[in-house]
Amino acid sequence: MASHDAGDLARRLAENAEAVCRRYLSAGRRHGNYWLVGDVRNTSGRSLFVRLHDTANGRAGKWTDAQSGEHGDLLDVIRESLGLVDFRDVADKARAFLSLPRPDPASSSQDRPVRERGSASSSEAARRLWVMSGPITGTPVETYLRRRDMTLLHGTGALRFHPRCYYRADTDSPAETWPAMIAAVTDLEGCVTGVHRTWLAADGRGKAPVEYPRRALGGLLGHAVRFGPVSDVLAAGEGIETVLSLREIMPDLPLAACLSSAHLAALIFPPTLRRLYVLRDDDPAGDHAGATLLTRTQEAGIECLVLSPRLADFNDDLRYLGRGAMRAILHPQLAPQDVARFLQSVTH
């Protein structure tokens, strides 16, 4: 191929994500599906996560620094780790790494600037999708949630329904439309900074049969899908279904779904927060997010407690063990004052 634009180079690098990390982020190491390192400039540490393979939560080659809030792709890794400025130099290094020929100067796109991280345009697109969506009552979203044993659907204004939400597996695939649960990602002032889409089967009896049924759009880092008003106590986890399962047992407890372990680790704390519960996911990335939050809360003078499910996650606990068992699981993990405040208020 004579020339390669930024998107093509990024995709090719992502196909060799671990090799890129070993070359340009040599101070880090692999941990499961992630490469962990201190930062994008190849400092030792564990704050930055690079996804090595595509998963339901994101694409290979994408990275997030939980400490600084930076995020990007492997072109950004090459640029920052080598201290480059011009995209021409970044592209040349990427082509050399991939053993690709230099492009034809007449058709080169190498002078284009490096793409803006977390661009305002994606946040605006997220807000447009949110406005175009409607209430979940009587829709496949309600069916989907109820089939996962979630019955307390009042107060879930952060969730909406879109009947024909566009889906594309990648830039070369044809567009499809599926029903979707649209979740608003908001900042502490309640402003929509992004959305999370869960594409659903037409009848709502499960997710749509697509390669990546969950995707986010817009500005997520530090923000969350929120249920309940800001308070002095907050429970935060990754998935929407996970935090809504906790709501079935403690309906008055404010909740935040951060959508990934990296975003959970980077959660911006409300100024009134005094105690944070972290809903633990049993994987290395989830463990690191919990450790990062423990350090950050200690520095901020906030108490941090980890809540662990008995099964894979709290939705599994809800579905397979039941509400009574969930209350028994949570009771010894809560601060005593929160048992009386939140747990014992459940009557159903």
Protein backbone atom coordinates (compact mmCIF):
# COMPACT_ATOMS: atom_id res chain seq x y z
CA MET A 1 0.00 0.00 0.00
CA ALA A 2 1.46 3.36 -1.03
CA SER A 3 -0.01 5.50 1.73
CA HIS A 4 -1.64 5.05 5.13
CA ASP A 5 -3.72 7.63 6.91
CA ALA A 6 -3.81 8.01 10.68
CA GLY A 7 -6.77 5.68 11.11
CA ASP A 8 -5.18 2.92 9.05
CA LEU A 9 -1.87 3.22 10.92
CA ALA A 10 -3.68 3.13 14.28
CA ARG A 11 -5.59 -0.01 13.26
CA ARG A 12 -2.42 -1.75 12.10
CA LEU A 13 -0.65 -0.84 15.33
CA ALA A 14 -3.61 -2.14 17.34
CA GLU A 15 -3.27 -5.51 15.61
CA ASN A 16 0.23 -5.64 17.12
CA ALA A 17 -0.60 -3.89 20.39
CA GLU A 18 1.60 -5.97 22.67
CA ALA A 19 4.62 -5.63 20.37
CA VAL A 20 4.10 -1.86 20.25
CA CYS A 21 3.96 -1.74 24.04
CA ARG A 22 7.10 -3.81 24.42
CA ARG A 23 8.94 -1.43 22.10
CA TYR A 24 7.66 1.97 23.25
CA LEU A 25 6.39 1.27 26.79
CA SER A 26 9.23 -1.01 27.86
CA ALA A 27 9.00 0.15 31.50
CA GLY A 28 5.67 -1.68 31.81
CA ARG A 29 4.52 -5.28 31.67
CA ARG A 30 1.56 -7.35 30.56
CA HIS A 31 -1.20 -8.15 33.04
CA GLY A 32 -4.02 -10.19 31.51
CA ASN A 33 -5.49 -8.30 28.55
CA TYR A 34 -3.71 -5.07 29.51
CA TRP A 35 -0.25 -3.55 29.36
CA LEU A 36 0.35 -1.61 32.58
CA VAL A 37 2.87 1.23 32.81
CA GLY A 38 3.25 4.51 34.68
CA ASP A 39 2.30 6.87 31.86
CA VAL A 40 2.39 7.32 28.11
CA ARG A 41 5.93 8.70 28.34
CA ASN A 42 7.14 5.24 29.51
CA THR A 43 7.56 5.96 33.21
CA SER A 44 7.52 2.93 35.50
CA GLY A 45 4.28 2.37 37.38
CA ARG A 46 0.75 0.99 36.87
CA SER A 47 -1.48 4.00 36.20
CA LEU A 48 -1.84 3.59 32.43
CA PHE A 49 -3.79 0.71 30.85
CA VAL A 50 -3.36 -0.30 27.21
CA ARG A 51 -5.95 -2.80 25.96
CA LEU A 52 -4.13 -5.55 24.04
CA HIS A 53 -7.12 -7.28 22.41
CA ASP A 54 -10.65 -6.26 21.47
CA THR A 55 -13.22 -6.89 24.20
CA ALA A 56 -16.86 -6.03 24.75
CA ASN A 57 -15.68 -2.92 26.61
CA GLY A 58 -13.32 -1.53 23.98
CA ARG A 59 -10.89 -1.92 21.12
CA ALA A 60 -7.29 -3.08 21.16
CA GLY A 61 -4.71 -0.31 21.23
CA LYS A 62 -6.83 2.13 23.23
CA TRP A 63 -5.34 3.38 26.48
CA THR A 64 -6.32 5.46 29.48
CA ASP A 65 -4.17 6.95 32.22
CA ALA A 66 -6.24 6.71 35.41
CA GLN A 67 -4.02 9.25 37.16
CA SER A 68 -3.83 12.06 34.59
CA GLY A 69 -7.06 11.43 32.69
CA GLU A 70 -5.22 11.22 29.35
CA HIS A 71 -6.41 8.71 26.76
CA GLY A 72 -5.64 7.87 23.15
CA ASP A 73 -4.33 5.20 20.80
CA LEU A 74 -0.96 3.72 19.87
CA LEU A 75 -0.02 6.61 17.58
CA ASP A 76 -0.18 8.77 20.69
CA VAL A 77 2.04 6.25 22.51
CA ILE A 78 4.71 6.56 19.82
CA ARG A 79 4.47 10.34 19.82
CA GLU A 80 4.64 10.82 23.58
CA SER A 81 7.18 8.10 24.40
CA LEU A 82 9.61 9.48 21.79
CA GLY A 83 8.84 13.14 22.47
CA LEU A 84 7.78 13.83 18.87
CA VAL A 85 5.81 16.90 17.75
CA ASP A 86 5.02 16.60 14.02
CA PHE A 87 2.60 13.94 12.87
CA ARG A 88 4.94 13.29 9.92
CA ASP A 89 7.58 12.01 12.35
CA VAL A 90 5.03 9.93 14.28
CA ALA A 91 3.75 8.35 11.05
CA ASP A 92 7.29 7.61 9.88
CA LYS A 93 8.06 5.80 13.14
CA ALA A 94 4.80 3.84 12.91
CA ARG A 95 5.50 2.81 9.31
CA ALA A 96 9.03 1.77 10.21
CA PHE A 97 7.74 -0.33 13.10
CA LEU A 98 5.15 -1.97 10.81
CA SER A 99 7.68 -2.38 7.97
CA LEU A 100 5.47 -0.34 5.65
CA PRO A 101 6.79 1.72 2.72
CA ARG A 102 6.81 5.50 2.88
CA PRO A 103 3.73 7.04 1.22
CA ASP A 104 3.68 8.74 -2.15
CA PRO A 105 4.33 12.42 -1.35
CA ALA A 106 1.67 13.49 -3.84
CA SER A 107 -1.07 11.62 -1.99
CA SER A 108 0.32 11.79 1.53
CA SER A 109 -1.90 12.71 4.45
CA GLN A 110 1.06 12.81 6.83
CA ASP A 111 0.82 16.56 7.47
CA ARG A 112 -2.56 16.28 9.16
CA PRO A 113 -2.47 17.01 12.92
CA VAL A 114 -2.73 14.28 15.50
CA ARG A 115 -6.39 13.76 16.33
CA GLU A 116 -7.72 15.51 19.37
CA ARG A 117 -8.27 13.27 22.38
CA GLY A 118 -11.82 13.08 23.71
CA SER A 119 -12.96 15.61 21.11
CA ALA A 120 -15.82 18.02 21.69
CA SER A 121 -17.50 16.69 18.53
CA SER A 122 -17.99 13.23 20.06
CA SER A 123 -19.54 14.76 23.17
CA GLU A 124 -21.90 16.79 21.01
CA ALA A 125 -22.86 13.67 19.06
CA ALA A 126 -23.55 11.93 22.38
CA ARG A 127 -25.82 14.77 23.50
CA ARG A 128 -27.73 14.62 20.20
CA LEU A 129 -28.31 10.88 20.63
CA TRP A 130 -29.50 11.45 24.18
CA VAL A 131 -32.04 14.07 23.06
CA MET A 132 -33.31 11.72 20.32
CA SER A 133 -34.00 8.92 22.83
CA GLY A 134 -37.11 8.43 24.94
CA PRO A 135 -38.39 6.84 28.19
CA ILE A 136 -37.77 3.15 28.80
CA THR A 137 -41.27 2.22 30.04
CA GLY A 138 -42.83 -0.46 27.85
CA THR A 139 -39.73 -0.79 25.65
CA PRO A 140 -37.14 -3.52 25.07
CA VAL A 141 -34.96 -1.74 27.64
CA GLU A 142 -37.52 -2.41 30.37
CA THR A 143 -37.81 -6.03 29.20
CA TYR A 144 -34.02 -6.44 29.23
CA LEU A 145 -33.65 -5.07 32.76
CA ARG A 146 -36.57 -7.03 34.19
CA ARG A 147 -35.19 -10.24 32.71
CA ARG A 148 -32.07 -9.53 34.78
CA ASP A 149 -34.29 -9.29 37.89
CA MET A 150 -34.25 -5.49 38.14
CA THR A 151 -37.66 -4.26 39.24
CA LEU A 152 -36.99 -0.84 40.81
CA LEU A 153 -37.03 1.11 37.56
CA HIS A 154 -38.39 4.38 38.96
CA GLY A 155 -35.66 6.93 39.39
CA THR A 156 -33.68 5.59 36.43
CA GLY A 157 -33.87 8.79 34.42
CA ALA A 158 -30.26 8.26 33.36
CA LEU A 159 -31.52 5.51 31.03
CA ARG A 160 -33.42 6.02 27.77
CA PHE A 161 -34.52 3.97 24.78
CA HIS A 162 -33.66 4.44 21.10
CA PRO A 163 -35.64 2.18 18.73
CA ARG A 164 -33.16 2.28 15.80
CA CYS A 165 -29.67 3.10 17.01
CA TYR A 166 -26.96 2.82 14.38
CA TYR A 167 -24.33 0.15 14.87
CA ARG A 168 -21.17 -0.45 12.87
CA ALA A 169 -18.66 -3.14 13.88
CA ASP A 170 -15.84 -1.10 12.33
CA THR A 171 -15.39 1.64 9.77
CA ASP A 172 -15.41 -0.85 6.88
CA SER A 173 -18.62 -2.64 7.94
CA PRO A 174 -22.12 -1.71 6.78
CA ALA A 175 -24.35 0.17 9.22
CA GLU A 176 -27.11 -1.70 11.03
CA THR A 177 -29.87 -0.49 13.33
CA TRP A 178 -30.92 -2.14 16.58
CA PRO A 179 -32.92 -1.10 19.63
CA ALA A 180 -30.59 0.29 22.27
CA MET A 181 -30.44 1.27 25.91
CA ILE A 182 -28.90 4.75 26.01
CA ALA A 183 -27.31 5.76 29.32
CA ALA A 184 -26.36 9.37 30.04
CA VAL A 185 -22.82 9.95 31.31
CA THR A 186 -22.86 13.15 33.37
CA ASP A 187 -20.49 15.33 35.33
CA LEU A 188 -21.09 16.42 38.92
CA GLU A 189 -23.30 19.29 37.72
CA GLY A 190 -25.54 16.91 35.79
CA CYS A 191 -24.34 17.99 32.32
CA VAL A 192 -24.31 15.19 29.73
CA THR A 193 -20.71 14.60 28.62
CA GLY A 194 -21.25 11.28 26.83
CA VAL A 195 -23.52 8.28 26.44
CA HIS A 196 -23.21 4.53 26.71
CA ARG A 197 -25.07 2.34 24.23
CA THR A 198 -26.18 -1.24 24.84
CA TRP A 199 -27.66 -2.67 21.65
CA LEU A 200 -30.53 -5.07 22.35
CA ALA A 201 -32.42 -7.84 20.60
CA ALA A 202 -35.68 -6.63 19.08
CA ASP A 203 -37.73 -8.23 21.88
CA GLY A 204 -35.37 -7.08 24.65
CA ARG A 205 -34.70 -10.64 25.78
CA GLY A 206 -30.95 -10.13 25.57
CA LYS A 207 -28.28 -8.13 23.80
CA ALA A 208 -28.25 -7.74 20.04
CA PRO A 209 -26.32 -10.44 18.12
CA VAL A 210 -23.50 -8.08 17.18
CA GLU A 211 -19.76 -8.25 17.79
CA TYR A 212 -19.58 -5.38 20.28
CA PRO A 213 -23.03 -4.82 21.87
CA ARG A 214 -21.70 -2.17 24.27
CA ARG A 215 -19.98 1.06 23.29
CA ALA A 216 -19.47 4.51 24.74
CA LEU A 217 -19.44 7.87 22.99
CA GLY A 218 -18.19 11.24 24.19
CA GLY A 219 -16.41 12.27 27.36
CA LEU A 220 -16.38 9.54 29.99
CA LEU A 221 -13.23 9.96 32.05
CA GLY A 222 -14.03 11.04 35.60
CA HIS A 223 -17.78 11.01 34.91
CA ALA A 224 -20.46 8.33 35.34
CA VAL A 225 -23.99 7.11 34.74
CA ARG A 226 -25.64 8.24 37.96
CA PHE A 227 -28.59 6.94 39.98
CA GLY A 228 -29.63 9.01 42.99
CA PRO A 229 -28.63 12.49 44.14
CA VAL A 230 -25.13 13.46 45.18
CA SER A 231 -24.60 12.69 48.86
CA ASP A 232 -21.93 11.99 51.45
CA VAL A 233 -22.00 8.27 50.56
CA LEU A 234 -21.62 6.79 47.08
CA ALA A 235 -21.25 3.29 45.62
CA ALA A 236 -19.37 3.13 42.32
CA GLY A 237 -18.78 0.24 39.94
CA GLU A 238 -18.13 -0.49 36.30
CA GLY A 239 -21.30 -1.87 34.70
CA ILE A 240 -24.81 -0.41 34.65
CA GLU A 241 -26.36 -3.78 35.48
CA THR A 242 -23.99 -4.22 38.41
CA VAL A 243 -24.89 -0.96 40.12
CA LEU A 244 -28.62 -1.33 39.38
CA SER A 245 -28.51 -4.74 41.07
CA LEU A 246 -27.27 -3.07 44.25
CA ARG A 247 -30.13 -0.58 43.93
CA GLU A 248 -32.59 -3.48 44.30
CA ILE A 249 -31.24 -4.04 47.83
CA MET A 250 -30.38 -0.46 48.80
CA PRO A 251 -32.68 1.82 46.77
CA ASP A 252 -31.66 5.00 48.61
CA LEU A 253 -27.92 4.56 48.15
CA PRO A 254 -26.50 6.90 45.44
CA LEU A 255 -24.83 4.90 42.68
CA ALA A 256 -22.42 5.57 39.82
CA ALA A 257 -21.64 3.28 36.88
CA CYS A 258 -18.27 4.28 35.41
CA LEU A 259 -18.39 1.76 32.51
CA SER A 260 -14.79 0.48 32.71
CA SER A 261 -12.10 -0.18 35.27
CA ALA A 262 -9.95 2.70 34.00
CA HIS A 263 -12.84 5.16 34.23
CA LEU A 264 -13.77 3.82 37.66
CA ALA A 265 -10.21 4.48 38.86
CA ALA A 266 -10.43 8.06 37.55
CA LEU A 267 -13.86 8.91 39.06
CA ILE A 268 -14.13 12.55 40.11
CA PHE A 269 -15.31 12.70 43.72
CA PRO A 270 -18.26 14.88 44.71
CA PRO A 271 -17.16 17.60 47.14
CA THR A 272 -19.60 16.27 49.76
CA LEU A 273 -18.31 12.68 49.59
CA ARG A 274 -17.18 11.15 52.88
CA ARG A 275 -17.42 7.41 52.16
CA LEU A 276 -17.00 5.56 48.85
CA TYR A 277 -18.04 1.95 48.28
CA VAL A 278 -16.26 0.30 45.35
CA LEU A 279 -18.13 -2.56 43.70
CA ARG A 280 -15.38 -5.05 42.97
CA ASP A 281 -15.00 -6.83 39.62
CA ASP A 282 -12.93 -10.01 39.90
CA ASP A 283 -10.18 -9.33 37.35
CA PRO A 284 -6.71 -7.67 37.38
CA ALA A 285 -8.00 -4.40 35.93
CA GLY A 286 -10.76 -4.27 38.54
CA ASP A 287 -8.27 -4.97 41.33
CA HIS A 288 -6.02 -2.18 40.09
CA ALA A 289 -8.96 0.24 39.89
CA GLY A 290 -9.80 -0.54 43.51
CA ALA A 291 -6.19 -0.03 44.60
CA THR A 292 -6.02 3.28 42.73
CA LEU A 293 -9.25 4.50 44.33
CA LEU A 294 -8.01 3.46 47.77
CA THR A 295 -4.93 5.65 47.30
CA ARG A 296 -6.92 8.57 45.91
CA THR A 297 -9.55 8.45 48.65
CA GLN A 298 -6.89 8.32 51.36
CA GLU A 299 -5.29 11.42 49.90
CA ALA A 300 -8.69 13.15 49.81
CA GLY A 301 -9.66 12.12 53.35
CA ILE A 302 -12.50 9.88 52.14
CA GLU A 303 -13.22 6.46 53.62
CA CYS A 304 -13.09 3.70 50.98
CA LEU A 305 -14.69 0.28 51.40
CA VAL A 306 -14.79 -2.53 48.82
CA LEU A 307 -17.98 -4.55 48.29
CA SER A 308 -17.41 -8.04 46.87
CA PRO A 309 -20.11 -10.28 45.36
CA ARG A 310 -20.24 -13.99 46.10
CA LEU A 311 -20.56 -14.94 42.42
CA ALA A 312 -19.03 -13.22 39.38
CA ASP A 313 -20.83 -9.91 39.96
CA PHE A 314 -23.74 -8.45 41.89
CA ASN A 315 -26.20 -9.09 39.08
CA ASP A 316 -25.35 -12.78 39.27
CA ASP A 317 -25.88 -12.61 43.05
CA LEU A 318 -29.28 -10.98 42.50
CA ARG A 319 -30.42 -13.42 39.81
CA TYR A 320 -29.14 -16.69 41.21
CA LEU A 321 -28.99 -16.15 44.98
CA GLY A 322 -31.86 -13.72 45.52
CA ARG A 323 -32.39 -10.53 47.50
CA GLY A 324 -32.22 -12.16 50.91
CA ALA A 325 -28.84 -13.67 50.18
CA MET A 326 -27.60 -10.37 48.76
CA ARG A 327 -28.58 -8.56 51.95
CA ALA A 328 -26.69 -11.18 53.96
CA ILE A 329 -23.64 -10.79 51.69
CA LEU A 330 -23.64 -7.00 51.92
CA HIS A 331 -24.47 -6.57 55.61
CA PRO A 332 -20.99 -7.35 57.06
CA GLN A 333 -19.26 -5.33 54.32
CA LEU A 334 -21.09 -2.06 55.05
CA ALA A 335 -20.20 0.57 57.60
CA PRO A 336 -22.55 0.00 60.60
CA GLN A 337 -24.26 3.36 60.18
CA ASP A 338 -25.04 2.54 56.54
CA VAL A 339 -26.72 -0.74 57.45
CA ALA A 340 -29.42 1.20 59.28
CA ARG A 341 -29.43 4.03 56.75
CA PHE A 342 -29.65 2.01 53.52
CA LEU A 343 -29.87 -1.76 53.88
CA GLN A 344 -32.76 -2.07 56.33
CA SER A 345 -35.02 0.24 54.36
CA VAL A 346 -35.84 -2.53 51.86
CA THR A 347 -39.34 -3.96 52.29
CA HIS A 348 -39.85 -5.96 49.07
